[in-house]
PDB file of N, CA and C in Angstrom:
ATOM      1  N   UNK A   1      74.350  71.256  80.597  1.00  0.00           N
ATOM      2  CA  UNK A   1      74.223  71.699  81.973  1.00  0.00           C
ATOM      3  C   UNK A   1      73.232  72.858  82.003  1.00  0.00           C
ATOM      4  N   UNK A   2      72.258  72.772  82.905  1.00  0.00           N
ATOM      5  CA  UNK A   2      71.281  73.838  83.085  1.00  0.00           C
ATOM      6  C   UNK A   2      71.557  74.584  84.378  1.00  0.00           C
ATOM      7  N   UNK A   3      71.647  75.880  84.280  1.00  0.00           N
ATOM      8  CA  UNK A   3      71.840  76.727  85.442  1.00  0.00           C
ATOM      9  C   UNK A   3      70.737  77.761  85.431  1.00  0.00           C
ATOM     10  N   UNK A   4      70.160  78.006  86.585  1.00  0.00           N
ATOM     11  CA  UNK A   4      69.071  78.974  86.668  1.00  0.00           C
ATOM     12  C   UNK A   4      69.281  79.853  87.897  1.00  0.00           C
ATOM     13  N   UNK A   5      69.312  81.163  87.704  1.00  0.00           N
ATOM     14  CA  UNK A   5      69.412  82.119  88.798  1.00  0.00           C
ATOM     15  C   UNK A   5      68.074  82.842  88.883  1.00  0.00           C
ATOM     16  N   UNK A   6      67.434  82.752  90.023  1.00  0.00           N
ATOM     17  CA  UNK A   6      66.129  83.363  90.224  1.00  0.00           C
ATOM     18  C   UNK A   6      66.259  84.701  90.927  1.00  0.00           C
ATOM     19  N   UNK A   7      65.271  85.538  90.712  1.00  0.00           N
ATOM     20  CA  UNK A   7      65.208  86.790  91.469  1.00  0.00           C
ATOM     21  C   UNK A   7      64.646  86.490  92.847  1.00  0.00           C
ATOM     22  N   UNK A   8      64.653  87.479  93.691  1.00  0.00           N
ATOM     23  CA  UNK A   8      64.142  87.314  95.058  1.00  0.00           C
ATOM     24  C   UNK A   8      62.683  86.869  95.022  1.00  0.00           C
ATOM     25  N   UNK A   9      62.357  85.900  95.848  1.00  0.00           N
ATOM     26  CA  UNK A   9      61.006  85.347  95.922  1.00  0.00           C
ATOM     27  C   UNK A   9      60.463  85.503  97.338  1.00  0.00           C
ATOM     28  N   UNK A  10      59.144  85.584  97.479  1.00  0.00           N
ATOM     29  CA  UNK A  10      58.574  85.614  98.829  1.00  0.00           C
ATOM     30  C   UNK A  10      58.773  84.260  99.507  1.00  0.00           C
ATOM     31  N   UNK A  11      58.808  84.260 100.814  1.00  0.00           N
ATOM     32  CA  UNK A  11      59.038  83.024 101.576  1.00  0.00           C
ATOM     33  C   UNK A  11      58.032  81.939 101.201  1.00  0.00           C
ATOM     34  N   UNK A  12      56.804  82.318 100.902  1.00  0.00           N
ATOM     35  CA  UNK A  12      55.769  81.337 100.569  1.00  0.00           C
ATOM     36  C   UNK A  12      56.063  80.593  99.268  1.00  0.00           C
ATOM     37  N   UNK A  13      56.931  81.137  98.434  1.00  0.00           N
ATOM     38  CA  UNK A  13      57.246  80.504  97.147  1.00  0.00           C
ATOM     39  C   UNK A  13      58.516  79.668  97.191  1.00  0.00           C
ATOM     40  N   UNK A  14      59.193  79.630  98.314  1.00  0.00           N
ATOM     41  CA  UNK A  14      60.499  78.981  98.361  1.00  0.00           C
ATOM     42  C   UNK A  14      60.454  77.455  98.374  1.00  0.00           C
ATOM     43  N   UNK A  15      59.413  76.860  98.912  1.00  0.00           N
ATOM     44  CA  UNK A  15      59.370  75.395  98.985  1.00  0.00           C
ATOM     45  C   UNK A  15      59.527  74.745  97.616  1.00  0.00           C
ATOM     46  N   UNK A  16      58.816  75.262  96.619  1.00  0.00           N
ATOM     47  CA  UNK A  16      58.932  74.693  95.268  1.00  0.00           C
ATOM     48  C   UNK A  16      60.338  74.854  94.715  1.00  0.00           C
ATOM     49  N   UNK A  17      60.944  75.993  94.984  1.00  0.00           N
ATOM     50  CA  UNK A  17      62.302  76.241  94.497  1.00  0.00           C
ATOM     51  C   UNK A  17      63.294  75.319  95.202  1.00  0.00           C
ATOM     52  N   UNK A  18      63.121  75.144  96.506  1.00  0.00           N
ATOM     53  CA  UNK A  18      64.008  74.249  97.245  1.00  0.00           C
ATOM     54  C   UNK A  18      63.902  72.822  96.723  1.00  0.00           C
ATOM     55  N   UNK A  19      62.714  72.388  96.406  1.00  0.00           N
ATOM     56  CA  UNK A  19      62.535  71.030  95.897  1.00  0.00           C
ATOM     57  C   UNK A  19      63.188  70.858  94.526  1.00  0.00           C
ATOM     58  N   UNK A  20      63.251  71.931  93.757  1.00  0.00           N
ATOM     59  CA  UNK A  20      63.837  71.896  92.421  1.00  0.00           C
ATOM     60  C   UNK A  20      65.371  71.938  92.471  1.00  0.00           C
ATOM     61  N   UNK A  21      65.917  72.687  93.421  1.00  0.00           N
ATOM     62  CA  UNK A  21      67.353  72.985  93.450  1.00  0.00           C
ATOM     63  C   UNK A  21      68.191  71.790  93.890  1.00  0.00           C
ATOM     64  N   UNK A  22      69.382  71.691  93.310  1.00  0.00           N
ATOM     65  CA  UNK A  22      70.353  70.689  93.739  1.00  0.00           C
ATOM     66  C   UNK A  22      71.185  71.193  94.914  1.00  0.00           C
ATOM     67  N   UNK A  23      71.436  72.488  94.940  1.00  0.00           N
ATOM     68  CA  UNK A  23      72.212  73.122  96.001  1.00  0.00           C
ATOM     69  C   UNK A  23      71.703  74.544  96.160  1.00  0.00           C
ATOM     70  N   UNK A  24      71.984  75.116  97.311  1.00  0.00           N
ATOM     71  CA  UNK A  24      71.591  76.499  97.565  1.00  0.00           C
ATOM     72  C   UNK A  24      72.830  77.277  98.001  1.00  0.00           C
ATOM     73  N   UNK A  25      72.961  78.466  97.470  1.00  0.00           N
ATOM     74  CA  UNK A  25      74.125  79.305  97.751  1.00  0.00           C
ATOM     75  C   UNK A  25      73.881  80.162  98.985  1.00  0.00           C
ATOM     76  N   UNK A  26      74.788  80.040  99.953  1.00  0.00           N
ATOM     77  CA  UNK A  26      74.831  80.945 101.108  1.00  0.00           C
ATOM     78  C   UNK A  26      76.134  81.715 100.956  1.00  0.00           C
ATOM     79  N   UNK A  27      76.022  83.019 100.790  1.00  0.00           N
ATOM     80  CA  UNK A  27      77.173  83.819 100.380  1.00  0.00           C
ATOM     81  C   UNK A  27      77.373  85.011 101.297  1.00  0.00           C
ATOM     82  N   UNK A  28      78.573  85.112 101.847  1.00  0.00           N
ATOM     83  CA  UNK A  28      78.994  86.291 102.603  1.00  0.00           C
ATOM     84  C   UNK A  28      80.299  86.794 102.003  1.00  0.00           C
ATOM     85  N   UNK A  29      80.570  88.054 102.182  1.00  0.00           N
ATOM     86  CA  UNK A  29      81.796  88.617 101.643  1.00  0.00           C
ATOM     87  C   UNK A  29      82.961  88.425 102.628  1.00  0.00           C
ATOM     88  N   UNK A  30      84.137  88.755 102.195  1.00  0.00           N
ATOM     89  CA  UNK A  30      85.346  88.620 102.995  1.00  0.00           C
ATOM     90  C   UNK A  30      85.491  89.853 103.888  1.00  0.00           C
ATOM     91  N   UNK A  31      84.863  89.801 105.055  1.00  0.00           N
ATOM     92  CA  UNK A  31      84.909  90.892 106.027  1.00  0.00           C
ATOM     93  C   UNK A  31      84.949  90.260 107.404  1.00  0.00           C
ATOM     94  N   UNK A  32      85.946  90.576 108.189  1.00  0.00           N
ATOM     95  CA  UNK A  32      86.203  89.884 109.458  1.00  0.00           C
ATOM     96  C   UNK A  32      84.968  89.762 110.352  1.00  0.00           C
ATOM     97  N   UNK A  33      84.145  90.794 110.555  1.00  0.00           N
ATOM     98  CA  UNK A  33      82.962  90.604 111.413  1.00  0.00           C
ATOM     99  C   UNK A  33      82.005  89.524 110.902  1.00  0.00           C
ATOM    100  N   UNK A  34      81.974  89.294 109.597  1.00  0.00           N
ATOM    101  CA  UNK A  34      81.084  88.263 109.060  1.00  0.00           C
ATOM    102  C   UNK A  34      81.582  86.848 109.346  1.00  0.00           C
ATOM    103  N   UNK A  35      82.813  86.722 109.819  1.00  0.00           N
ATOM    104  CA  UNK A  35      83.298  85.397 110.212  1.00  0.00           C
ATOM    105  C   UNK A  35      82.576  84.897 111.457  1.00  0.00           C
ATOM    106  N   UNK A  36      81.911  85.802 112.172  1.00  0.00           N
ATOM    107  CA  UNK A  36      81.132  85.420 113.353  1.00  0.00           C
ATOM    108  C   UNK A  36      79.636  85.351 113.049  1.00  0.00           C
ATOM    109  N   UNK A  37      79.269  85.555 111.789  1.00  0.00           N
ATOM    110  CA  UNK A  37      77.860  85.574 111.391  1.00  0.00           C
ATOM    111  C   UNK A  37      77.458  84.251 110.746  1.00  0.00           C
ATOM    112  N   UNK A  38      76.229  83.854 111.017  1.00  0.00           N
ATOM    113  CA  UNK A  38      75.648  82.701 110.336  1.00  0.00           C
ATOM    114  C   UNK A  38      74.297  83.156 109.788  1.00  0.00           C
ATOM    115  N   UNK A  39      74.186  83.277 108.466  1.00  0.00           N
ATOM    116  CA  UNK A  39      72.904  83.684 107.894  1.00  0.00           C
ATOM    117  C   UNK A  39      71.802  82.704 108.296  1.00  0.00           C
ATOM    118  N   UNK A  40      70.639  83.226 108.630  1.00  0.00           N
ATOM    119  CA  UNK A  40      69.528  82.367 109.064  1.00  0.00           C
ATOM    120  C   UNK A  40      69.162  81.343 107.986  1.00  0.00           C
ATOM    121  N   UNK A  41      69.394  81.677 106.739  1.00  0.00           N
ATOM    122  CA  UNK A  41      69.120  80.745 105.636  1.00  0.00           C
ATOM    123  C   UNK A  41      69.913  79.450 105.824  1.00  0.00           C
ATOM    124  N   UNK A  42      71.080  79.530 106.448  1.00  0.00           N
ATOM    125  CA  UNK A  42      71.894  78.338 106.683  1.00  0.00           C
ATOM    126  C   UNK A  42      71.120  77.324 107.516  1.00  0.00           C
ATOM    127  N   UNK A  43      70.479  77.793 108.592  1.00  0.00           N
ATOM    128  CA  UNK A  43      69.708  76.891 109.455  1.00  0.00           C
ATOM    129  C   UNK A  43      68.502  76.317 108.720  1.00  0.00           C
ATOM    130  N   UNK A  44      67.842  77.155 107.932  1.00  0.00           N
ATOM    131  CA  UNK A  44      66.678  76.704 107.180  1.00  0.00           C
ATOM    132  C   UNK A  44      67.060  75.615 106.186  1.00  0.00           C
ATOM    133  N   UNK A  45      68.143  75.825 105.459  1.00  0.00           N
ATOM    134  CA  UNK A  45      68.591  74.840 104.480  1.00  0.00           C
ATOM    135  C   UNK A  45      69.036  73.551 105.148  1.00  0.00           C
ATOM    136  N   UNK A  46      69.725  73.674 106.283  1.00  0.00           N
ATOM    137  CA  UNK A  46      70.147  72.477 107.011  1.00  0.00           C
ATOM    138  C   UNK A  46      68.932  71.679 107.460  1.00  0.00           C
ATOM    139  N   UNK A  47      67.931  72.375 107.980  1.00  0.00           N
ATOM    140  CA  UNK A  47      66.736  71.685 108.461  1.00  0.00           C
ATOM    141  C   UNK A  47      66.000  70.976 107.325  1.00  0.00           C
ATOM    142  N   UNK A  48      66.045  71.556 106.141  1.00  0.00           N
ATOM    143  CA  UNK A  48      65.360  70.965 104.996  1.00  0.00           C
ATOM    144  C   UNK A  48      66.204  69.892 104.306  1.00  0.00           C
ATOM    145  N   UNK A  49      67.473  69.759 104.688  1.00  0.00           N
ATOM    146  CA  UNK A  49      68.335  68.748 104.093  1.00  0.00           C
ATOM    147  C   UNK A  49      68.795  69.094 102.700  1.00  0.00           C
ATOM    148  N   UNK A  50      68.907  70.392 102.420  1.00  0.00           N
ATOM    149  CA  UNK A  50      69.350  70.848 101.098  1.00  0.00           C
ATOM    150  C   UNK A  50      70.845  71.133 101.144  1.00  0.00           C
ATOM    151  N   UNK A  51      71.565  70.627 100.183  1.00  0.00           N
ATOM    152  CA  UNK A  51      73.004  70.857 100.098  1.00  0.00           C
ATOM    153  C   UNK A  51      73.278  72.349 100.027  1.00  0.00           C
ATOM    154  N   UNK A  52      74.252  72.797 100.811  1.00  0.00           N
ATOM    155  CA  UNK A  52      74.637  74.207 100.837  1.00  0.00           C
ATOM    156  C   UNK A  52      75.968  74.382 100.122  1.00  0.00           C
ATOM    157  N   UNK A  53      75.992  75.314  99.173  1.00  0.00           N
ATOM    158  CA  UNK A  53      77.246  75.797  98.598  1.00  0.00           C
ATOM    159  C   UNK A  53      77.572  77.054  99.387  1.00  0.00           C
ATOM    160  N   UNK A  54      78.448  76.920 100.371  1.00  0.00           N
ATOM    161  CA  UNK A  54      78.749  78.031 101.255  1.00  0.00           C
ATOM    162  C   UNK A  54      79.959  78.816 100.796  1.00  0.00           C
ATOM    163  N   UNK A  55      79.763  80.079 100.533  1.00  0.00           N
ATOM    164  CA  UNK A  55      80.866  81.005 100.279  1.00  0.00           C
ATOM    165  C   UNK A  55      80.968  81.815 101.561  1.00  0.00           C
ATOM    166  N   UNK A  56      81.594  81.199 102.539  1.00  0.00           N
ATOM    167  CA  UNK A  56      81.607  81.734 103.896  1.00  0.00           C
ATOM    168  C   UNK A  56      82.914  81.353 104.584  1.00  0.00           C
ATOM    169  N   UNK A  57      83.165  82.016 105.702  1.00  0.00           N
ATOM    170  CA  UNK A  57      84.325  81.689 106.535  1.00  0.00           C
ATOM    171  C   UNK A  57      83.854  81.634 107.987  1.00  0.00           C
ATOM    172  N   UNK A  58      84.738  81.264 108.865  1.00  0.00           N
ATOM    173  CA  UNK A  58      84.460  81.324 110.293  1.00  0.00           C
ATOM    174  C   UNK A  58      83.336  80.418 110.748  1.00  0.00           C
ATOM    175  N   UNK A  59      82.432  80.990 111.569  1.00  0.00           N
ATOM    176  CA  UNK A  59      81.355  80.237 112.208  1.00  0.00           C
ATOM    177  C   UNK A  59      80.459  79.521 111.190  1.00  0.00           C
ATOM    178  N   UNK A  60      80.051  80.208 110.148  1.00  0.00           N
ATOM    179  CA  UNK A  60      79.173  79.583 109.153  1.00  0.00           C
ATOM    180  C   UNK A  60      79.874  78.417 108.457  1.00  0.00           C
ATOM    181  N   UNK A  61      81.124  78.589 108.109  1.00  0.00           N
ATOM    182  CA  UNK A  61      81.876  77.510 107.465  1.00  0.00           C
ATOM    183  C   UNK A  61      81.996  76.309 108.394  1.00  0.00           C
ATOM    184  N   UNK A  62      82.293  76.555 109.654  1.00  0.00           N
ATOM    185  CA  UNK A  62      82.408  75.459 110.625  1.00  0.00           C
ATOM    186  C   UNK A  62      81.092  74.717 110.794  1.00  0.00           C
ATOM    187  N   UNK A  63      80.007  75.461 110.826  1.00  0.00           N
ATOM    188  CA  UNK A  63      78.686  74.860 110.987  1.00  0.00           C
ATOM    189  C   UNK A  63      78.335  73.972 109.791  1.00  0.00           C
ATOM    190  N   UNK A  64      78.570  74.454 108.597  1.00  0.00           N
ATOM    191  CA  UNK A  64      78.268  73.677 107.394  1.00  0.00           C
ATOM    192  C   UNK A  64      79.145  72.437 107.328  1.00  0.00           C
ATOM    193  N   UNK A  65      80.435  72.611 107.540  1.00  0.00           N
ATOM    194  CA  UNK A  65      81.359  71.457 107.485  1.00  0.00           C
ATOM    195  C   UNK A  65      81.076  70.470 108.607  1.00  0.00           C
ATOM    196  N   UNK A  66      80.936  70.990 109.827  1.00  0.00           N
ATOM    197  CA  UNK A  66      80.765  70.125 110.996  1.00  0.00           C
ATOM    198  C   UNK A  66      79.497  69.303 110.976  1.00  0.00           C
ATOM    199  N   UNK A  67      78.484  69.785 110.279  1.00  0.00           N
ATOM    200  CA  UNK A  67      77.221  69.064 110.201  1.00  0.00           C
ATOM    201  C   UNK A  67      77.013  68.393 108.841  1.00  0.00           C
ATOM    202  N   UNK A  68      78.080  68.340 108.049  1.00  0.00           N
ATOM    203  CA  UNK A  68      78.035  67.684 106.735  1.00  0.00           C
ATOM    204  C   UNK A  68      76.830  68.177 105.929  1.00  0.00           C
ATOM    205  N   UNK A  69      76.650  69.523 105.953  1.00  0.00           N
ATOM    206  CA  UNK A  69      75.484  70.144 105.317  1.00  0.00           C
ATOM    207  C   UNK A  69      75.783  70.665 103.916  1.00  0.00           C
ATOM    208  N   UNK A  70      77.007  70.495 103.439  1.00  0.00           N
ATOM    209  CA  UNK A  70      77.350  70.973 102.111  1.00  0.00           C
ATOM    210  C   UNK A  70      78.836  71.162 101.963  1.00  0.00           C
ATOM    211  N   UNK A  71      79.192  72.053 101.063  1.00  0.00           N
ATOM    212  CA  UNK A  71      80.595  72.343 100.775  1.00  0.00           C
ATOM    213  C   UNK A  71      80.843  73.829 100.971  1.00  0.00           C
ATOM    214  N   UNK A  72      82.084  74.163 101.312  1.00  0.00           N
ATOM    215  CA  UNK A  72      82.454  75.544 101.615  1.00  0.00           C
ATOM    216  C   UNK A  72      83.654  75.948 100.774  1.00  0.00           C
ATOM    217  N   UNK A  73      83.591  77.159 100.235  1.00  0.00           N
ATOM    218  CA  UNK A  73      84.738  77.775  99.576  1.00  0.00           C
ATOM    219  C   UNK A  73      84.965  79.144 100.205  1.00  0.00           C
ATOM    220  N   UNK A  74      86.145  79.690  99.980  1.00  0.00           N
ATOM    221  CA  UNK A  74      86.510  80.974 100.564  1.00  0.00           C
ATOM    222  C   UNK A  74      85.722  82.109  99.915  1.00  0.00           C
ATOM    223  N   UNK A  75      85.333  83.116 100.705  1.00  0.00           N
ATOM    224  CA  UNK A  75      84.713  84.303 100.122  1.00  0.00           C
ATOM    225  C   UNK A  75      85.671  84.994  99.147  1.00  0.00           C
ATOM    226  N   UNK A  76      85.102  85.685  98.200  1.00  0.00           N
ATOM    227  CA  UNK A  76      85.856  86.451  97.194  1.00  0.00           C
ATOM    228  C   UNK A  76      86.680  85.548  96.276  1.00  0.00           C
ATOM    229  N   UNK A  77      86.228  84.324  96.072  1.00  0.00           N
ATOM    230  CA  UNK A  77      86.951  83.412  95.199  1.00  0.00           C
ATOM    231  C   UNK A  77      85.981  82.744  94.227  1.00  0.00           C
ATOM    232  N   UNK A  78      85.562  83.477  93.190  1.00  0.00           N
ATOM    233  CA  UNK A  78      84.623  82.883  92.235  1.00  0.00           C
ATOM    234  C   UNK A  78      85.190  81.649  91.540  1.00  0.00           C
ATOM    235  N   UNK A  79      86.503  81.567  91.403  1.00  0.00           N
ATOM    236  CA  UNK A  79      87.109  80.389  90.773  1.00  0.00           C
ATOM    237  C   UNK A  79      86.863  79.143  91.625  1.00  0.00           C
ATOM    238  N   UNK A  80      86.983  79.290  92.946  1.00  0.00           N
ATOM    239  CA  UNK A  80      86.725  78.145  93.828  1.00  0.00           C
ATOM    240  C   UNK A  80      85.265  77.717  93.760  1.00  0.00           C
ATOM    241  N   UNK A  81      84.360  78.687  93.703  1.00  0.00           N
ATOM    242  CA  UNK A  81      82.936  78.353  93.614  1.00  0.00           C
ATOM    243  C   UNK A  81      82.640  77.640  92.297  1.00  0.00           C
ATOM    244  N   UNK A  82      83.183  78.147  91.208  1.00  0.00           N
ATOM    245  CA  UNK A  82      82.983  77.499  89.910  1.00  0.00           C
ATOM    246  C   UNK A  82      83.542  76.071  89.931  1.00  0.00           C
ATOM    247  N   UNK A  83      84.723  75.904  90.513  1.00  0.00           N
ATOM    248  CA  UNK A  83      85.327  74.567  90.599  1.00  0.00           C
ATOM    249  C   UNK A  83      84.457  73.635  91.451  1.00  0.00           C
ATOM    250  N   UNK A  84      83.915  74.155  92.550  1.00  0.00           N
ATOM    251  CA  UNK A  84      83.030  73.351  93.394  1.00  0.00           C
ATOM    252  C   UNK A  84      81.818  72.886  92.604  1.00  0.00           C
ATOM    253  N   UNK A  85      81.180  73.793  91.888  1.00  0.00           N
ATOM    254  CA  UNK A  85      79.983  73.415  91.143  1.00  0.00           C
ATOM    255  C   UNK A  85      80.299  72.414  90.041  1.00  0.00           C
ATOM    256  N   UNK A  86      81.455  72.518  89.434  1.00  0.00           N
ATOM    257  CA  UNK A  86      81.861  71.508  88.441  1.00  0.00           C
ATOM    258  C   UNK A  86      82.047  70.150  89.129  1.00  0.00           C
ATOM    259  N   UNK A  87      82.678  70.153  90.306  1.00  0.00           N
ATOM    260  CA  UNK A  87      82.851  68.908  91.062  1.00  0.00           C
ATOM    261  C   UNK A  87      81.498  68.298  91.419  1.00  0.00           C
ATOM    262  N   UNK A  88      80.537  69.137  91.796  1.00  0.00           N
ATOM    263  CA  UNK A  88      79.211  68.631  92.158  1.00  0.00           C
ATOM    264  C   UNK A  88      78.487  68.049  90.944  1.00  0.00           C
ATOM    265  N   UNK A  89      78.687  68.659  89.788  1.00  0.00           N
ATOM    266  CA  UNK A  89      78.102  68.116  88.552  1.00  0.00           C
ATOM    267  C   UNK A  89      78.721  66.757  88.253  1.00  0.00           C
ATOM    268  N   UNK A  90      80.035  66.657  88.408  1.00  0.00           N
ATOM    269  CA  UNK A  90      80.741  65.405  88.112  1.00  0.00           C
ATOM    270  C   UNK A  90      80.500  64.333  89.169  1.00  0.00           C
ATOM    271  N   UNK A  91      80.165  64.744  90.394  1.00  0.00           N
ATOM    272  CA  UNK A  91      79.954  63.811  91.506  1.00  0.00           C
ATOM    273  C   UNK A  91      78.661  64.157  92.234  1.00  0.00           C
ATOM    274  N   UNK A  92      77.506  63.908  91.624  1.00  0.00           N
ATOM    275  CA  UNK A  92      76.238  64.319  92.229  1.00  0.00           C
ATOM    276  C   UNK A  92      75.942  63.670  93.582  1.00  0.00           C
ATOM    277  N   UNK A  93      76.620  62.585  93.907  1.00  0.00           N
ATOM    278  CA  UNK A  93      76.405  61.968  95.224  1.00  0.00           C
ATOM    279  C   UNK A  93      76.853  62.904  96.351  1.00  0.00           C
ATOM    280  N   UNK A  94      77.719  63.862  96.043  1.00  0.00           N
ATOM    281  CA  UNK A  94      78.155  64.831  97.054  1.00  0.00           C
ATOM    282  C   UNK A  94      77.028  65.765  97.481  1.00  0.00           C
ATOM    283  N   UNK A  95      75.965  65.816  96.702  1.00  0.00           N
ATOM    284  CA  UNK A  95      74.827  66.666  97.031  1.00  0.00           C
ATOM    285  C   UNK A  95      73.959  66.067  98.138  1.00  0.00           C
ATOM    286  N   UNK A  96      74.190  64.817  98.462  1.00  0.00           N
ATOM    287  CA  UNK A  96      73.422  64.156  99.520  1.00  0.00           C
ATOM    288  C   UNK A  96      74.031  64.528 100.870  1.00  0.00           C
ATOM    289  N   UNK A  97      73.247  65.186 101.719  1.00  0.00           N
ATOM    290  CA  UNK A  97      73.796  65.694 102.978  1.00  0.00           C
ATOM    291  C   UNK A  97      73.378  64.902 104.205  1.00  0.00           C
ATOM    292  N   UNK A  98      72.439  64.006 104.104  1.00  0.00           N
ATOM    293  CA  UNK A  98      72.027  63.216 105.259  1.00  0.00           C
ATOM    294  C   UNK A  98      71.251  64.051 106.268  1.00  0.00           C
ATOM    295  N   UNK A  99      71.127  63.511 107.484  1.00  0.00           N
ATOM    296  CA  UNK A  99      70.291  64.132 108.514  1.00  0.00           C
ATOM    297  C   UNK A  99      71.065  64.843 109.617  1.00  0.00           C
ATOM    298  N   UNK A 100      72.380  64.874 109.546  1.00  0.00           N
ATOM    299  CA  UNK A 100      73.167  65.467 110.634  1.00  0.00           C
ATOM    300  C   UNK A 100      72.786  66.926 110.863  1.00  0.00           C
ATOM    301  N   UNK A 101      72.743  67.724 109.812  1.00  0.00           N
ATOM    302  CA  UNK A 101      72.392  69.131 109.943  1.00  0.00           C
ATOM    303  C   UNK A 101      70.974  69.318 110.422  1.00  0.00           C
ATOM    304  N   UNK A 102      70.057  68.561 109.859  1.00  0.00           N
ATOM    305  CA  UNK A 102      68.648  68.641 110.262  1.00  0.00           C
ATOM    306  C   UNK A 102      68.509  68.314 111.745  1.00  0.00           C
ATOM    307  N   UNK A 103      69.148  67.263 112.190  1.00  0.00           N
ATOM    308  CA  UNK A 103      69.069  66.871 113.605  1.00  0.00           C
ATOM    309  C   UNK A 103      69.700  67.921 114.513  1.00  0.00           C
ATOM    310  N   UNK A 104      70.810  68.519 114.070  1.00  0.00           N
ATOM    311  CA  UNK A 104      71.469  69.552 114.868  1.00  0.00           C
ATOM    312  C   UNK A 104      70.551  70.755 115.040  1.00  0.00           C
ATOM    313  N   UNK A 105      69.933  71.218 113.954  1.00  0.00           N
ATOM    314  CA  UNK A 105      69.024  72.364 114.033  1.00  0.00           C
ATOM    315  C   UNK A 105      67.858  72.041 114.956  1.00  0.00           C
ATOM    316  N   UNK A 106      67.293  70.863 114.822  1.00  0.00           N
ATOM    317  CA  UNK A 106      66.160  70.456 115.651  1.00  0.00           C
ATOM    318  C   UNK A 106      66.542  70.437 117.133  1.00  0.00           C
ATOM    319  N   UNK A 107      67.701  69.889 117.449  1.00  0.00           N
ATOM    320  CA  UNK A 107      68.161  69.842 118.836  1.00  0.00           C
ATOM    321  C   UNK A 107      68.387  71.245 119.391  1.00  0.00           C
ATOM    322  N   UNK A 108      69.001  72.115 118.590  1.00  0.00           N
ATOM    323  CA  UNK A 108      69.232  73.489 119.039  1.00  0.00           C
ATOM    324  C   UNK A 108      67.908  74.198 119.312  1.00  0.00           C
ATOM    325  N   UNK A 109      66.968  74.057 118.387  1.00  0.00           N
ATOM    326  CA  UNK A 109      65.680  74.752 118.494  1.00  0.00           C
ATOM    327  C   UNK A 109      64.821  74.192 119.621  1.00  0.00           C
ATOM    328  N   UNK A 110      64.765  72.875 119.753  1.00  0.00           N
ATOM    329  CA  UNK A 110      63.824  72.253 120.675  1.00  0.00           C
ATOM    330  C   UNK A 110      64.375  71.980 122.064  1.00  0.00           C
ATOM    331  N   UNK A 111      65.698  71.926 122.201  1.00  0.00           N
ATOM    332  CA  UNK A 111      66.271  71.566 123.501  1.00  0.00           C
ATOM    333  C   UNK A 111      67.251  72.613 124.010  1.00  0.00           C
ATOM    334  N   UNK A 112      68.296  72.887 123.250  1.00  0.00           N
ATOM    335  CA  UNK A 112      69.385  73.749 123.730  1.00  0.00           C
ATOM    336  C   UNK A 112      68.911  75.176 123.986  1.00  0.00           C
ATOM    337  N   UNK A 113      68.293  75.793 122.993  1.00  0.00           N
ATOM    338  CA  UNK A 113      67.875  77.193 123.138  1.00  0.00           C
ATOM    339  C   UNK A 113      66.842  77.362 124.249  1.00  0.00           C
ATOM    340  N   UNK A 114      65.792  76.525 124.338  1.00  0.00           N
ATOM    341  CA  UNK A 114      64.863  76.683 125.449  1.00  0.00           C
ATOM    342  C   UNK A 114      65.530  76.560 126.827  1.00  0.00           C
ATOM    343  N   UNK A 115      66.508  75.664 126.945  1.00  0.00           N
ATOM    344  CA  UNK A 115      67.211  75.520 128.219  1.00  0.00           C
ATOM    345  C   UNK A 115      68.018  76.773 128.544  1.00  0.00           C
ATOM    346  N   UNK A 116      68.672  77.359 127.542  1.00  0.00           N
ATOM    347  CA  UNK A 116      69.449  78.583 127.755  1.00  0.00           C
ATOM    348  C   UNK A 116      68.520  79.722 128.162  1.00  0.00           C
ATOM    349  N   UNK A 117      67.394  79.843 127.471  1.00  0.00           N
ATOM    350  CA  UNK A 117      66.444  80.916 127.806  1.00  0.00           C
ATOM    351  C   UNK A 117      65.888  80.721 129.204  1.00  0.00           C
ATOM    352  N   UNK A 118      65.552  79.499 129.543  1.00  0.00           N
ATOM    353  CA  UNK A 118      65.028  79.217 130.884  1.00  0.00           C
ATOM    354  C   UNK A 118      66.055  79.576 131.952  1.00  0.00           C
ATOM    355  N   UNK A 119      67.310  79.259 131.710  1.00  0.00           N
ATOM    356  CA  UNK A 119      68.375  79.588 132.654  1.00  0.00           C
ATOM    357  C   UNK A 119      68.517  81.097 132.804  1.00  0.00           C
ATOM    358  N   UNK A 120      68.481  81.814 131.676  1.00  0.00           N
ATOM    359  CA  UNK A 120      68.605  83.270 131.722  1.00  0.00           C
ATOM    360  C   UNK A 120      67.432  83.909 132.451  1.00  0.00           C
ATOM    361  N   UNK A 121      66.233  83.488 132.113  1.00  0.00           N
ATOM    362  CA  UNK A 121      65.042  84.048 132.755  1.00  0.00           C
ATOM    363  C   UNK A 121      65.037  83.703 134.242  1.00  0.00           C
ATOM    364  N   UNK A 122      65.418  82.482 134.565  1.00  0.00           N
ATOM    365  CA  UNK A 122      65.494  82.087 135.965  1.00  0.00           C
ATOM    366  C   UNK A 122      66.500  82.928 136.737  1.00  0.00           C
ATOM    367  N   UNK A 123      67.626  83.231 136.111  1.00  0.00           N
ATOM    368  CA  UNK A 123      68.636  84.072 136.753  1.00  0.00           C
ATOM    369  C   UNK A 123      68.139  85.479 136.984  1.00  0.00           C
ATOM    370  N   UNK A 124      67.426  86.034 136.031  1.00  0.00           N
ATOM    371  CA  UNK A 124      66.868  87.383 136.182  1.00  0.00           C
ATOM    372  C   UNK A 124      65.813  87.379 137.273  1.00  0.00           C
ATOM    373  N   UNK A 125      64.974  86.349 137.302  1.00  0.00           N
ATOM    374  CA  UNK A 125      63.921  86.257 138.317  1.00  0.00           C
ATOM    375  C   UNK A 125      64.527  86.166 139.714  1.00  0.00           C
ATOM    376  N   UNK A 126      65.595  85.389 139.870  1.00  0.00           N
ATOM    377  CA  UNK A 126      66.239  85.257 141.191  1.00  0.00           C
ATOM    378  C   UNK A 126      66.859  86.591 141.623  1.00  0.00           C
ATOM    379  N   UNK A 127      67.407  87.336 140.675  1.00  0.00           N
ATOM    380  CA  UNK A 127      68.015  88.631 141.013  1.00  0.00           C
ATOM    381  C   UNK A 127      66.976  89.664 141.424  1.00  0.00           C
ATOM    382  N   UNK A 128      65.758  89.540 140.910  1.00  0.00           N
ATOM    383  CA  UNK A 128      64.700  90.490 141.233  1.00  0.00           C
ATOM    384  C   UNK A 128      64.155  90.257 142.623  1.00  0.00           C
ATOM    385  N   UNK A 129      64.328  89.074 143.180  1.00  0.00           N
ATOM    386  CA  UNK A 129      63.770  88.760 144.505  1.00  0.00           C
ATOM    387  C   UNK A 129      64.587  89.322 145.601  1.00  0.00           C
TER     388      UNK A 129
END
């Protein structure tokens, strides 16, 4: 089994690393406010169709699970993460995430968010008149 942990890389160097990786770790600690946080990397990985090993709770966990974008374990549980990675080694087909996450990100970016912004701006414009 080969495992490689890289140091921080510039964004321009990430494409090669993403193509090499079997899974990408999205990690948050066990702190209640972070249950409402979704790291931007989650959306990027979903859009690229890369399996996510999520050490997250709350909103991020729901997003990963709901869009079949990877697997989730509880924060502060290295044993669960190790067990997950062993399962992924034994069952590499689990690394295939399909297009659900990619399509969800695309819809949010191209349709949902612009409509919300248009509604907000329209509401502000009407109030100014």
